[in-house]
C-alpha atoms as a PDB file:
ATOM      1  CA  MET A   1     -56.785 -25.585  43.611  1.00  0.00           C
ATOM      2  CA  LEU A   2     -54.555 -28.158  44.097  1.00  0.00           C
ATOM      3  CA  ASP A   3     -54.969 -29.621  40.812  1.00  0.00           C
ATOM      4  CA  ILE A   4     -53.011 -26.362  38.899  1.00  0.00           C
ATOM      5  CA  PRO A   5     -49.677 -27.367  40.516  1.00  0.00           C
ATOM      6  CA  LEU A   6     -49.924 -31.225  39.787  1.00  0.00           C
ATOM      7  CA  HIS A   7     -50.676 -30.465  36.120  1.00  0.00           C
ATOM      8  CA  THR A   8     -47.463 -27.825  35.608  1.00  0.00           C
ATOM      9  CA  GLY A   9     -44.893 -30.326  35.367  1.00  0.00           C
ATOM     10  CA  ALA A  10     -43.054 -28.868  37.811  1.00  0.00           C
ATOM     11  CA  GLN A  11     -42.520 -32.038  39.637  1.00  0.00           C
ATOM     12  CA  HIS A  12     -41.123 -33.819  36.514  1.00  0.00           C
ATOM     13  CA  PRO A  13     -37.658 -35.517  37.372  1.00  0.00           C
ATOM     14  CA  ASP A  14     -36.278 -34.462  34.151  1.00  0.00           C
ATOM     15  CA  LEU A  15     -37.430 -31.037  33.885  1.00  0.00           C
ATOM     16  CA  LEU A  16     -34.078 -29.462  33.222  1.00  0.00           C
ATOM     17  CA  TRP A  17     -33.469 -31.753  30.120  1.00  0.00           C
ATOM     18  CA  VAL A  18     -36.692 -30.736  28.860  1.00  0.00           C
ATOM     19  CA  LEU A  19     -36.362 -27.085  29.397  1.00  0.00           C
ATOM     20  CA  VAL A  20     -32.701 -26.509  28.363  1.00  0.00           C
ATOM     21  CA  PRO A  21     -33.127 -28.185  24.932  1.00  0.00           C
ATOM     22  CA  SER A  22     -36.278 -26.221  24.229  1.00  0.00           C
ATOM     23  CA  ILE A  23     -35.267 -22.754  25.125  1.00  0.00           C
ATOM     24  CA  LEU A  24     -31.950 -23.382  23.390  1.00  0.00           C
ATOM     25  CA  SER A  25     -34.221 -24.154  20.206  1.00  0.00           C
ATOM     26  CA  PHE A  26     -36.253 -21.190  20.767  1.00  0.00           C
ATOM     27  CA  VAL A  27     -33.391 -18.842  20.841  1.00  0.00           C
ATOM     28  CA  ALA A  28     -32.096 -20.666  17.974  1.00  0.00           C
ATOM     29  CA  GLY A  29     -35.268 -19.892  16.059  1.00  0.00           C
ATOM     30  CA  LEU A  30     -35.323 -16.240  17.079  1.00  0.00           C
ATOM     31  CA  GLY A  31     -31.710 -15.803  15.776  1.00  0.00           C
ATOM     32  CA  LEU A  32     -32.379 -17.567  12.441  1.00  0.00           C
ATOM     33  CA  GLY A  33     -35.900 -15.481  12.367  1.00  0.00           C
ATOM     34  CA  SER A  34     -33.674 -12.287  12.650  1.00  0.00           C
ATOM     35  CA  PHE A  35     -30.934 -12.968  10.188  1.00  0.00           C
ATOM     36  CA  SER A  36     -33.258 -14.846   7.586  1.00  0.00           C
ATOM     37  CA  ASP A  37     -32.256 -12.416   4.857  1.00  0.00           C
ATOM     38  CA  ARG A  38     -28.562 -12.899   5.619  1.00  0.00           C
ATOM     39  CA  VAL A  39     -28.864 -16.812   5.794  1.00  0.00           C
ATOM     40  CA  ARG A  40     -31.030 -16.459   2.395  1.00  0.00           C
ATOM     41  CA  SER A  41     -28.369 -14.494   0.253  1.00  0.00           C
ATOM     42  CA  TRP A  42     -25.618 -16.543   1.673  1.00  0.00           C
ATOM     43  CA  VAL A  43     -27.396 -20.031   0.573  1.00  0.00           C
ATOM     44  CA  ARG A  44     -28.531 -18.526  -2.417  1.00  0.00           C
ATOM     45  CA  PRO A  45     -26.824 -15.352  -3.809  1.00  0.00           C
ATOM     46  CA  GLN A  46     -28.760 -12.987  -5.951  1.00  0.00           C
ATOM     47  CA  ARG A  47     -27.936 -12.851  -9.789  1.00  0.00           C
ATOM     48  CA  ALA A  48     -27.596  -9.603 -11.629  1.00  0.00           C
ATOM     49  CA  VAL A  49     -30.277  -9.307 -14.093  1.00  0.00           C
ATOM     50  CA  SER A  50     -28.628  -7.727 -17.181  1.00  0.00           C
ATOM     51  CA  ASN A  51     -30.740  -5.729 -19.565  1.00  0.00           C
ATOM     52  CA  ASP A  52     -29.563  -7.335 -22.756  1.00  0.00           C
END
């Protein structure tokens, strides 16, 4: 039963430096995923197709 708390990494001395960047990159990924259509249209605008 004591093996589980030992393997969670909760006693890692730099746990804050591991968690903060991972949470920030997760939130950035969610933001890019939710606005991917807007970002894609900003980077590559759609060109109008002419019927000539």
